[in-house]
Each structure stands twice: as C-alpha cells, then as structure tokens.
Amino acid sequence: VVSIHKTLGSLTQSSIILTKGININAERLRSTLNILNSTSPSSLLIASLDVARKNIYFNGKEKIENIIKLAKKARKLINEIPGIKAITPDYFLKQGASGYDQTKVLIKVSDLGVSGFEIYKEIREDFNIQLELAETHLVLAILTPGTTNQDIDNLVFALLKISEKYFHQKLEPIKPKLKMQSPDYYMRPREAYHGYKKFVTWEEAIGEVSAESIMVYPPGIPIVIPGEVISEEIIEALKDYEKSGSTILSDTGERKIKVVDLEKSGWEEDDI
C-alpha cells in the first residue's frame, strides 16, 4: 500500500496498492478488496489519485530530481546546526539496508536534551511547519512535489531557532533505551477478547493478562496485545513514553488498562 496522499499530493486518505510479477494472484486480491471496500467509494479521492498519477507520469522525473536536490540541501544545512543531525543515506546503507527513500529527511534531535515529540509540537505551533512524525530521539520530514526552496529554508530556520533555545542550556542528551522483551503469551487474542474484563490502573495491571492492544504512536505498533501478560517492564516503558510526550493508544486513555478477569472467565491465575 502506497500513501499517495503523503508523497504525491492526492487528497488525504487516498492510497493505492501496487503489485508486480506473478507471485500475487490479482483476481484473489481484487476479490479480497471487494470484501473490505465500500461499494460507494469517494469520487473525490479517486479523482485526486488519478490527477496525482497523471502528474507524476508526465512530470515525475523532473519533480523527483528536484525533491532529492532539496533533500540534500536540507541535510547539508541541518548538519551545520549545533545539537541537530540529519541522518544521511550512507548511514542506513552501512547498516545493511538495500536502499533509502531520499525524499525523507530524518532528523536526530535528542542531543538537545529534548524529545522528538517536544520538537514536533514546538515546530508546528511556533513555526507553522507540519512534520510527518516524531519519536523519542527523532523527527521526520517528508518532501513532496509541492515542496519548495522556501519550505526548506523555513524548516532550517525553525531548527536553528530551536537549537539556539536548547543547545546552550547544556541539557543531558536523551539516551536510547534498551528494547523490551516480548511479553509472555497466556491465551489466544480471541479468548481474551471474549472473556470477562475489568479495568485496572497501570500499577495494578502488572501480572495481569491484557484484554486490549496498547500502542505507542509513533510507530503505532502494539507493545502488548490481548492474551499477553503485562510485565513491570511494560508499565515502566509506558511511563517513560508518557514522560517523553508520546501518544499512548488504549481503550481508556486514563492510565488504566483493560485486562481479563481470570476468575470470572474460568482461568487459573496461578498459571501466569
């Protein structure tokens, strides 16, 4: 699935599915999509996809070359700003990546002593610049056919002002955290979903079986899903993410977690 609305200027929510070769059964894919798709798709979204496709077909080479040129300019200027680093494609290639999307500018800000979430919010509210996403140590800017030289200058100016604000405070750099271990599996997600449930605080949830998926955005990947045991490590991670300004997605959003009521569901707590 390619998010054309992010990269080529179609309307928000519009995207396409790309297939290639003989490994994908086109008829089966089409049948599956028909099950999931609306029978009344938005004509505006479809038309915007077609306009974006036409534009990139006739002018794509020129536009992509310009985007890559602007991205190189952005990285060069950003890397002159104290405490901020634009990660270059060479870094990813040395880590074993087969390629790198050069229209994306990944910016490390943790050496300023503030999180990417704080920078994301500040650059939007104070400089009217919308970045694609943030995480604890990084922010991401995506360049599109609509990006101009002035846009790059505005981004660099905003990051320079942010550097002037934080760099000279000599704040402690944010250090990467160790990855969590995968949670223990206790029951199938279906069993957790259909079982009796109760809401408990984060602290009370340690040792309980989750009845919901808890995600931290970005990247939006669950750190625990229904049927898995909530460990102390998971709760400490949630607290760290909360402090950093991350968005925690759960069914309550009130520092509570929906867990399986094992007694009512007929499960033995001693098995955990």
C-alpha atoms as a PDB file:
ATOM      1  CA  VAL A   1       0.000   0.000   0.000  1.00  0.00           C
ATOM      2  CA  VAL A   2       1.457   3.361  -1.045  1.00  0.00           C
ATOM      3  CA  SER A   3       0.228   6.522   0.673  1.00  0.00           C
ATOM      4  CA  ILE A   4      -0.036   8.743  -2.383  1.00  0.00           C
ATOM      5  CA  HIS A   5      -1.698  11.414  -0.249  1.00  0.00           C
ATOM      6  CA  LYS A   6       1.605  11.805   1.632  1.00  0.00           C
ATOM      7  CA  THR A   7       4.025  11.673  -1.261  1.00  0.00           C
ATOM      8  CA  LEU A   8       2.370  12.817  -4.490  1.00  0.00           C
ATOM      9  CA  GLY A   9      -0.301  15.265  -3.405  1.00  0.00           C
ATOM     10  CA  SER A  10      -3.595  13.385  -3.681  1.00  0.00           C
ATOM     11  CA  LEU A  11      -6.303  14.062  -1.104  1.00  0.00           C
ATOM     12  CA  THR A  12      -5.870  12.815   2.461  1.00  0.00           C
ATOM     13  CA  GLN A  13      -6.897   9.151   2.996  1.00  0.00           C
ATOM     14  CA  SER A  14      -6.226   8.174  -0.609  1.00  0.00           C
ATOM     15  CA  SER A  15      -3.669   5.472  -1.389  1.00  0.00           C
ATOM     16  CA  ILE A  16      -3.024   2.705  -3.894  1.00  0.00           C
ATOM     17  CA  ILE A  17      -1.935  -0.917  -3.876  1.00  0.00           C
ATOM     18  CA  LEU A  18       0.961  -1.837  -6.123  1.00  0.00           C
ATOM     19  CA  THR A  19       1.572  -5.366  -7.407  1.00  0.00           C
ATOM     20  CA  LYS A  20       4.307  -6.772  -9.612  1.00  0.00           C
ATOM     21  CA  GLY A  21       5.179 -10.141 -11.071  1.00  0.00           C
ATOM     22  CA  ILE A  22       3.380 -13.467 -10.803  1.00  0.00           C
ATOM     23  CA  ASN A  23       3.586 -14.017  -7.052  1.00  0.00           C
ATOM     24  CA  ILE A  24       0.384 -12.066  -6.407  1.00  0.00           C
ATOM     25  CA  ASN A  25      -2.904 -13.513  -7.588  1.00  0.00           C
ATOM     26  CA  ALA A  26      -4.579 -10.403  -8.990  1.00  0.00           C
ATOM     27  CA  GLU A  27      -8.052 -11.920  -9.018  1.00  0.00           C
ATOM     28  CA  ARG A  28      -7.823 -13.054  -5.398  1.00  0.00           C
ATOM     29  CA  LEU A  29      -6.506  -9.627  -4.377  1.00  0.00           C
ATOM     30  CA  ARG A  30      -9.390  -7.941  -6.164  1.00  0.00           C
ATOM     31  CA  SER A  31     -11.944 -10.248  -4.507  1.00  0.00           C
ATOM     32  CA  THR A  32     -10.477  -9.566  -1.069  1.00  0.00           C
ATOM     33  CA  LEU A  33     -10.559  -5.823  -1.638  1.00  0.00           C
ATOM     34  CA  ASN A  34     -14.191  -6.046  -2.708  1.00  0.00           C
ATOM     35  CA  ILE A  35     -14.993  -7.563   0.688  1.00  0.00           C
ATOM     36  CA  LEU A  36     -13.313  -4.728   2.539  1.00  0.00           C
ATOM     37  CA  ASN A  37     -14.011  -1.745   0.298  1.00  0.00           C
ATOM     38  CA  SER A  38     -17.078   0.437   0.319  1.00  0.00           C
ATOM     39  CA  THR A  39     -19.487  -0.048  -2.560  1.00  0.00           C
ATOM     40  CA  SER A  40     -19.695   3.763  -2.745  1.00  0.00           C
ATOM     41  CA  PRO A  41     -16.087   4.971  -2.906  1.00  0.00           C
ATOM     42  CA  SER A  42     -15.413   8.699  -2.816  1.00  0.00           C
ATOM     43  CA  SER A  43     -15.212  10.112  -6.332  1.00  0.00           C
ATOM     44  CA  LEU A  44     -13.102  12.983  -4.992  1.00  0.00           C
ATOM     45  CA  LEU A  45     -10.473  10.614  -3.583  1.00  0.00           C
ATOM     46  CA  ILE A  46     -10.334   8.502  -6.738  1.00  0.00           C
ATOM     47  CA  ALA A  47     -10.130  11.578  -8.974  1.00  0.00           C
ATOM     48  CA  SER A  48      -7.324  13.030  -6.864  1.00  0.00           C
ATOM     49  CA  LEU A  49      -5.379   9.775  -7.194  1.00  0.00           C
ATOM     50  CA  ASP A  50      -5.755   9.903 -10.958  1.00  0.00           C
ATOM     51  CA  VAL A  51      -4.593  13.516 -11.113  1.00  0.00           C
ATOM     52  CA  ALA A  52      -1.558  12.690  -8.950  1.00  0.00           C
ATOM     53  CA  ARG A  53      -0.785   9.666 -11.136  1.00  0.00           C
ATOM     54  CA  LYS A  54      -1.048  11.714 -14.312  1.00  0.00           C
ATOM     55  CA  ASN A  55       1.161  14.446 -12.891  1.00  0.00           C
ATOM     56  CA  ILE A  56       3.923  12.063 -11.870  1.00  0.00           C
ATOM     57  CA  TYR A  57       3.676  10.190 -15.184  1.00  0.00           C
ATOM     58  CA  PHE A  58       4.308  13.275 -17.283  1.00  0.00           C
ATOM     59  CA  ASN A  59       6.495  15.289 -14.893  1.00  0.00           C
ATOM     60  CA  GLY A  60       7.786  12.672 -12.472  1.00  0.00           C
ATOM     61  CA  LYS A  61      11.472  12.596 -13.420  1.00  0.00           C
ATOM     62  CA  GLU A  62      11.853  16.351 -13.122  1.00  0.00           C
ATOM     63  CA  LYS A  63       9.891  16.542  -9.880  1.00  0.00           C
ATOM     64  CA  ILE A  64      11.706  13.646  -8.156  1.00  0.00           C
ATOM     65  CA  GLU A  65      15.098  15.048  -9.148  1.00  0.00           C
ATOM     66  CA  ASN A  66      14.070  18.382  -7.622  1.00  0.00           C
ATOM     67  CA  ILE A  67      12.861  16.721  -4.412  1.00  0.00           C
ATOM     68  CA  ILE A  68      16.152  14.832  -3.994  1.00  0.00           C
ATOM     69  CA  LYS A  69      18.065  18.073  -4.634  1.00  0.00           C
ATOM     70  CA  LEU A  70      16.041  19.841  -1.944  1.00  0.00           C
ATOM     71  CA  ALA A  71      16.530  16.941   0.480  1.00  0.00           C
ATOM     72  CA  LYS A  72      20.313  17.093   0.015  1.00  0.00           C
ATOM     73  CA  LYS A  73      20.208  20.823   0.652  1.00  0.00           C
ATOM     74  CA  ALA A  74      18.155  20.280   3.806  1.00  0.00           C
ATOM     75  CA  ARG A  75      20.546  17.654   5.191  1.00  0.00           C
ATOM     76  CA  LYS A  76      23.591  19.816   4.481  1.00  0.00           C
ATOM     77  CA  LEU A  77      22.166  22.893   6.207  1.00  0.00           C
ATOM     78  CA  ILE A  78      20.664  20.974   9.128  1.00  0.00           C
ATOM     79  CA  ASN A  79      24.002  19.285   9.829  1.00  0.00           C
ATOM     80  CA  GLU A  80      25.504  22.735  10.399  1.00  0.00           C
ATOM     81  CA  ILE A  81      23.120  23.360  13.313  1.00  0.00           C
ATOM     82  CA  PRO A  82      24.547  22.577  16.795  1.00  0.00           C
ATOM     83  CA  GLY A  83      22.889  19.632  18.536  1.00  0.00           C
ATOM     84  CA  ILE A  84      20.855  18.549  15.496  1.00  0.00           C
ATOM     85  CA  LYS A  85      21.814  15.947  12.921  1.00  0.00           C
ATOM     86  CA  ALA A  86      20.179  14.983   9.643  1.00  0.00           C
ATOM     87  CA  ILE A  87      20.921  11.312   9.105  1.00  0.00           C
ATOM     88  CA  THR A  88      22.359  10.669   5.644  1.00  0.00           C
ATOM     89  CA  PRO A  89      21.501   7.704   3.380  1.00  0.00           C
ATOM     90  CA  ASP A  90      25.041   6.339   3.835  1.00  0.00           C
ATOM     91  CA  TYR A  91      24.266   5.575   7.467  1.00  0.00           C
ATOM     92  CA  PHE A  92      21.394   3.246   6.558  1.00  0.00           C
ATOM     93  CA  LEU A  93      23.292   1.577   3.738  1.00  0.00           C
ATOM     94  CA  LYS A  94      26.151   0.792   6.129  1.00  0.00           C
ATOM     95  CA  GLN A  95      23.624  -0.824   8.491  1.00  0.00           C
ATOM     96  CA  GLY A  96      22.650  -3.292   5.770  1.00  0.00           C
ATOM     97  CA  ALA A  97      19.671  -1.504   4.206  1.00  0.00           C
ATOM     98  CA  SER A  98      19.247  -2.199   0.490  1.00  0.00           C
ATOM     99  CA  GLY A  99      18.072   1.340  -0.217  1.00  0.00           C
ATOM    100  CA  TYR A 100      16.854   4.607   1.282  1.00  0.00           C
ATOM    101  CA  ASP A 101      13.975   6.876   0.312  1.00  0.00           C
ATOM    102  CA  GLN A 102      15.809  10.140  -0.230  1.00  0.00           C
ATOM    103  CA  THR A 103      12.599  12.177  -0.163  1.00  0.00           C
ATOM    104  CA  LYS A 104      12.527  11.629   3.607  1.00  0.00           C
ATOM    105  CA  VAL A 105      14.723  13.701   5.914  1.00  0.00           C
ATOM    106  CA  LEU A 106      15.255  12.004   9.271  1.00  0.00           C
ATOM    107  CA  ILE A 107      16.448  14.434  11.935  1.00  0.00           C
ATOM    108  CA  LYS A 108      18.033  13.460  15.251  1.00  0.00           C
ATOM    109  CA  VAL A 109      17.258  15.987  17.999  1.00  0.00           C
ATOM    110  CA  SER A 110      17.983  14.050  21.213  1.00  0.00           C
ATOM    111  CA  ASP A 111      21.392  15.735  21.672  1.00  0.00           C
ATOM    112  CA  LEU A 112      19.473  18.918  22.525  1.00  0.00           C
ATOM    113  CA  GLY A 113      18.177  17.173  25.653  1.00  0.00           C
ATOM    114  CA  VAL A 114      14.561  17.283  24.492  1.00  0.00           C
ATOM    115  CA  SER A 115      12.496  14.597  22.803  1.00  0.00           C
ATOM    116  CA  GLY A 116      11.349  14.485  19.233  1.00  0.00           C
ATOM    117  CA  PHE A 117       7.759  14.810  20.468  1.00  0.00           C
ATOM    118  CA  GLU A 118       8.551  18.185  22.039  1.00  0.00           C
ATOM    119  CA  ILE A 119      10.303  19.403  18.884  1.00  0.00           C
ATOM    120  CA  TYR A 120       7.411  18.149  16.728  1.00  0.00           C
ATOM    121  CA  LYS A 121       4.924  20.140  18.794  1.00  0.00           C
ATOM    122  CA  GLU A 122       7.071  23.264  19.027  1.00  0.00           C
ATOM    123  CA  ILE A 123       7.898  23.434  15.332  1.00  0.00           C
ATOM    124  CA  ARG A 124       4.211  23.118  14.464  1.00  0.00           C
ATOM    125  CA  GLU A 125       2.908  25.649  16.989  1.00  0.00           C
ATOM    126  CA  ASP A 126       5.688  28.238  16.759  1.00  0.00           C
ATOM    127  CA  PHE A 127       6.725  27.948  13.105  1.00  0.00           C
ATOM    128  CA  ASN A 128       3.610  26.532  11.394  1.00  0.00           C
ATOM    129  CA  ILE A 129       5.554  23.553   9.977  1.00  0.00           C
ATOM    130  CA  GLN A 130       3.890  20.125   9.956  1.00  0.00           C
ATOM    131  CA  LEU A 131       6.362  17.267  10.239  1.00  0.00           C
ATOM    132  CA  GLU A 132       5.360  13.722   9.352  1.00  0.00           C
ATOM    133  CA  LEU A 133       6.034  12.122  12.739  1.00  0.00           C
ATOM    134  CA  ALA A 134       8.142  12.173  15.877  1.00  0.00           C
ATOM    135  CA  GLU A 135       9.610   9.661  18.275  1.00  0.00           C
ATOM    136  CA  THR A 136      11.789   9.891  21.359  1.00  0.00           C
ATOM    137  CA  HIS A 137      15.017  10.829  19.549  1.00  0.00           C
ATOM    138  CA  LEU A 138      13.931  11.831  16.047  1.00  0.00           C
ATOM    139  CA  VAL A 139      11.552  13.789  13.860  1.00  0.00           C
ATOM    140  CA  LEU A 140      10.800  13.045  10.222  1.00  0.00           C
ATOM    141  CA  ALA A 141      10.159  15.474   7.380  1.00  0.00           C
ATOM    142  CA  ILE A 142       8.769  14.216   4.058  1.00  0.00           C
ATOM    143  CA  LEU A 143       9.404  16.191   0.883  1.00  0.00           C
ATOM    144  CA  THR A 144       6.810  16.071  -1.897  1.00  0.00           C
ATOM    145  CA  PRO A 145       6.369  17.554  -5.400  1.00  0.00           C
ATOM    146  CA  GLY A 146       4.886  20.586  -3.653  1.00  0.00           C
ATOM    147  CA  THR A 147       7.962  21.269  -1.505  1.00  0.00           C
ATOM    148  CA  THR A 148       9.852  24.451  -2.413  1.00  0.00           C
ATOM    149  CA  ASN A 149      13.204  26.032  -1.615  1.00  0.00           C
ATOM    150  CA  GLN A 150      11.383  28.371   0.727  1.00  0.00           C
ATOM    151  CA  ASP A 151       9.943  25.412   2.617  1.00  0.00           C
ATOM    152  CA  ILE A 152      13.462  24.067   3.211  1.00  0.00           C
ATOM    153  CA  ASP A 153      14.678  27.487   4.330  1.00  0.00           C
ATOM    154  CA  ASN A 154      11.742  27.727   6.751  1.00  0.00           C
ATOM    155  CA  LEU A 155      12.500  24.278   8.200  1.00  0.00           C
ATOM    156  CA  VAL A 156      16.191  25.070   8.644  1.00  0.00           C
ATOM    157  CA  PHE A 157      15.367  28.429  10.241  1.00  0.00           C
ATOM    158  CA  ALA A 158      12.967  26.778  12.688  1.00  0.00           C
ATOM    159  CA  LEU A 159      15.517  24.119  13.684  1.00  0.00           C
ATOM    160  CA  LEU A 160      18.195  26.803  14.092  1.00  0.00           C
ATOM    161  CA  LYS A 161      15.978  28.782  16.471  1.00  0.00           C
ATOM    162  CA  ILE A 162      15.160  25.615  18.418  1.00  0.00           C
ATOM    163  CA  SER A 163      18.871  24.801  18.662  1.00  0.00           C
ATOM    164  CA  GLU A 164      19.578  28.301  19.996  1.00  0.00           C
ATOM    165  CA  LYS A 165      16.903  27.757  22.616  1.00  0.00           C
ATOM    166  CA  TYR A 166      18.064  24.381  23.938  1.00  0.00           C
ATOM    167  CA  PHE A 167      21.666  23.706  22.917  1.00  0.00           C
ATOM    168  CA  HIS A 168      23.261  26.304  25.188  1.00  0.00           C
ATOM    169  CA  GLN A 169      21.287  25.064  28.188  1.00  0.00           C
ATOM    170  CA  LYS A 170      23.603  22.022  28.228  1.00  0.00           C
ATOM    171  CA  LEU A 171      20.723  19.650  28.857  1.00  0.00           C
ATOM    172  CA  GLU A 172      21.550  15.985  29.229  1.00  0.00           C
ATOM    173  CA  PRO A 173      21.152  14.194  25.868  1.00  0.00           C
ATOM    174  CA  ILE A 174      18.351  11.670  25.719  1.00  0.00           C
ATOM    175  CA  LYS A 175      19.893   8.209  25.610  1.00  0.00           C
ATOM    176  CA  PRO A 176      18.365   5.314  23.673  1.00  0.00           C
ATOM    177  CA  LYS A 177      16.545   2.743  25.810  1.00  0.00           C
ATOM    178  CA  LEU A 178      17.051  -0.981  25.601  1.00  0.00           C
ATOM    179  CA  LYS A 179      14.416  -2.870  23.660  1.00  0.00           C
ATOM    180  CA  MET A 180      11.780  -4.669  25.690  1.00  0.00           C
ATOM    181  CA  GLN A 181      11.478  -8.423  25.697  1.00  0.00           C
ATOM    182  CA  SER A 182       8.393  -9.869  24.011  1.00  0.00           C
ATOM    183  CA  PRO A 183       5.559 -10.327  26.550  1.00  0.00           C
ATOM    184  CA  ASP A 184       4.656 -13.829  27.731  1.00  0.00           C
ATOM    185  CA  TYR A 185       1.729 -15.434  25.919  1.00  0.00           C
ATOM    186  CA  TYR A 186      -1.114 -16.673  28.146  1.00  0.00           C
ATOM    187  CA  MET A 187      -4.177 -17.119  25.912  1.00  0.00           C
ATOM    188  CA  ARG A 188      -5.260 -16.531  22.347  1.00  0.00           C
ATOM    189  CA  PRO A 189      -6.357 -12.979  21.465  1.00  0.00           C
ATOM    190  CA  ARG A 190      -9.835 -14.307  20.669  1.00  0.00           C
ATOM    191  CA  GLU A 191     -10.171 -15.804  24.149  1.00  0.00           C
ATOM    192  CA  ALA A 192      -9.029 -12.562  25.761  1.00  0.00           C
ATOM    193  CA  TYR A 193     -11.422 -10.547  23.617  1.00  0.00           C
ATOM    194  CA  HIS A 194     -14.475 -12.671  24.502  1.00  0.00           C
ATOM    195  CA  GLY A 195     -13.589 -13.205  28.182  1.00  0.00           C
ATOM    196  CA  TYR A 196     -14.846 -11.197  31.139  1.00  0.00           C
ATOM    197  CA  LYS A 197     -12.928  -7.961  31.596  1.00  0.00           C
ATOM    198  CA  LYS A 198     -12.105  -5.361  34.200  1.00  0.00           C
ATOM    199  CA  PHE A 199     -10.241  -2.054  34.255  1.00  0.00           C
ATOM    200  CA  VAL A 200      -7.208  -1.629  36.497  1.00  0.00           C
ATOM    201  CA  THR A 201      -4.557   1.046  36.964  1.00  0.00           C
ATOM    202  CA  TRP A 202      -1.164   0.689  35.343  1.00  0.00           C
ATOM    203  CA  GLU A 203       0.397  -0.423  38.601  1.00  0.00           C
ATOM    204  CA  GLU A 204      -2.370  -2.958  39.287  1.00  0.00           C
ATOM    205  CA  ALA A 205      -2.001  -4.361  35.750  1.00  0.00           C
ATOM    206  CA  ILE A 206       1.409  -5.947  36.423  1.00  0.00           C
ATOM    207  CA  GLY A 207       0.974  -9.717  36.127  1.00  0.00           C
ATOM    208  CA  GLU A 208      -2.495  -9.427  34.563  1.00  0.00           C
ATOM    209  CA  VAL A 209      -3.500 -10.623  31.089  1.00  0.00           C
ATOM    210  CA  SER A 210      -4.216  -7.785  28.687  1.00  0.00           C
ATOM    211  CA  ALA A 211      -7.636  -7.659  27.051  1.00  0.00           C
ATOM    212  CA  GLU A 212      -6.680  -4.833  24.684  1.00  0.00           C
ATOM    213  CA  SER A 213      -3.902  -3.715  22.403  1.00  0.00           C
ATOM    214  CA  ILE A 214      -1.795  -0.899  23.821  1.00  0.00           C
ATOM    215  CA  MET A 215       0.129   1.083  21.247  1.00  0.00           C
ATOM    216  CA  VAL A 216       2.572   3.943  21.392  1.00  0.00           C
ATOM    217  CA  TYR A 217       2.450   6.302  18.430  1.00  0.00           C
ATOM    218  CA  PRO A 218       4.649   6.541  16.549  1.00  0.00           C
ATOM    219  CA  PRO A 219       5.195   3.973  15.202  1.00  0.00           C
ATOM    220  CA  GLY A 220       1.776   2.597  16.179  1.00  0.00           C
ATOM    221  CA  ILE A 221       2.971  -0.954  16.825  1.00  0.00           C
ATOM    222  CA  PRO A 222       1.372  -2.661  19.875  1.00  0.00           C
ATOM    223  CA  ILE A 223       3.685  -3.239  22.833  1.00  0.00           C
ATOM    224  CA  VAL A 224       1.142  -5.685  24.226  1.00  0.00           C
ATOM    225  CA  ILE A 225      -1.888  -7.377  22.623  1.00  0.00           C
ATOM    226  CA  PRO A 226      -4.884  -9.276  24.036  1.00  0.00           C
ATOM    227  CA  GLY A 227      -3.799 -12.540  25.641  1.00  0.00           C
ATOM    228  CA  GLU A 228      -0.316 -11.386  26.641  1.00  0.00           C
ATOM    229  CA  VAL A 229       0.880 -10.897  30.219  1.00  0.00           C
ATOM    230  CA  ILE A 230       1.594  -7.312  31.271  1.00  0.00           C
ATOM    231  CA  SER A 231       5.025  -7.153  32.887  1.00  0.00           C
ATOM    232  CA  GLU A 232       6.574  -4.497  35.098  1.00  0.00           C
ATOM    233  CA  GLU A 233       8.883  -3.727  32.178  1.00  0.00           C
ATOM    234  CA  ILE A 234       5.884  -2.832  30.008  1.00  0.00           C
ATOM    235  CA  ILE A 235       4.447  -0.494  32.648  1.00  0.00           C
ATOM    236  CA  GLU A 236       7.804   1.245  33.128  1.00  0.00           C
ATOM    237  CA  ALA A 237       8.050   1.656  29.350  1.00  0.00           C
ATOM    238  CA  LEU A 238       4.563   3.227  29.244  1.00  0.00           C
ATOM    239  CA  LYS A 239       5.611   5.709  31.945  1.00  0.00           C
ATOM    240  CA  ASP A 240       8.744   6.605  30.001  1.00  0.00           C
ATOM    241  CA  TYR A 241       6.765   7.086  26.802  1.00  0.00           C
ATOM    242  CA  GLU A 242       4.245   9.229  28.682  1.00  0.00           C
ATOM    243  CA  LYS A 243       7.027  11.469  30.031  1.00  0.00           C
ATOM    244  CA  SER A 244       8.520  11.849  26.566  1.00  0.00           C
ATOM    245  CA  GLY A 245       5.226  13.116  25.156  1.00  0.00           C
ATOM    246  CA  SER A 246       4.312  10.032  23.148  1.00  0.00           C
ATOM    247  CA  THR A 247       0.693   9.314  22.317  1.00  0.00           C
ATOM    248  CA  ILE A 248      -0.448   6.152  24.101  1.00  0.00           C
ATOM    249  CA  LEU A 249      -3.403   4.497  22.388  1.00  0.00           C
ATOM    250  CA  SER A 250      -5.624   2.285  24.537  1.00  0.00           C
ATOM    251  CA  ASP A 251      -9.335   1.731  25.189  1.00  0.00           C
ATOM    252  CA  THR A 252      -9.426   4.141  28.144  1.00  0.00           C
ATOM    253  CA  GLY A 253      -6.639   6.663  27.757  1.00  0.00           C
ATOM    254  CA  GLU A 254      -6.811   7.329  31.517  1.00  0.00           C
ATOM    255  CA  ARG A 255      -3.750   5.425  32.777  1.00  0.00           C
ATOM    256  CA  LYS A 256      -5.913   2.357  33.056  1.00  0.00           C
ATOM    257  CA  ILE A 257      -5.734  -0.944  31.188  1.00  0.00           C
ATOM    258  CA  LYS A 258      -8.494  -3.367  30.273  1.00  0.00           C
ATOM    259  CA  VAL A 259      -7.445  -6.834  31.462  1.00  0.00           C
ATOM    260  CA  VAL A 260      -9.044 -10.267  31.512  1.00  0.00           C
ATOM    261  CA  ASP A 261     -10.960 -11.092  34.694  1.00  0.00           C
ATOM    262  CA  LEU A 262      -9.473 -14.561  35.010  1.00  0.00           C
ATOM    263  CA  GLU A 263     -11.733 -15.660  37.870  1.00  0.00           C
ATOM    264  CA  LYS A 264     -14.970 -14.867  36.054  1.00  0.00           C
ATOM    265  CA  SER A 265     -13.557 -16.252  32.785  1.00  0.00           C
ATOM    266  CA  GLY A 266     -12.708 -19.590  34.417  1.00  0.00           C
ATOM    267  CA  TRP A 267      -8.931 -19.354  34.076  1.00  0.00           C
ATOM    268  CA  GLU A 268      -6.414 -20.169  36.775  1.00  0.00           C
ATOM    269  CA  GLU A 269      -4.362 -17.172  37.905  1.00  0.00           C
ATOM    270  CA  ASP A 270      -1.637 -19.489  39.206  1.00  0.00           C
ATOM    271  CA  ASP A 271      -0.804 -20.431  35.614  1.00  0.00           C
ATOM    272  CA  ILE A 272       0.559 -16.953  34.867  1.00  0.00           C
END
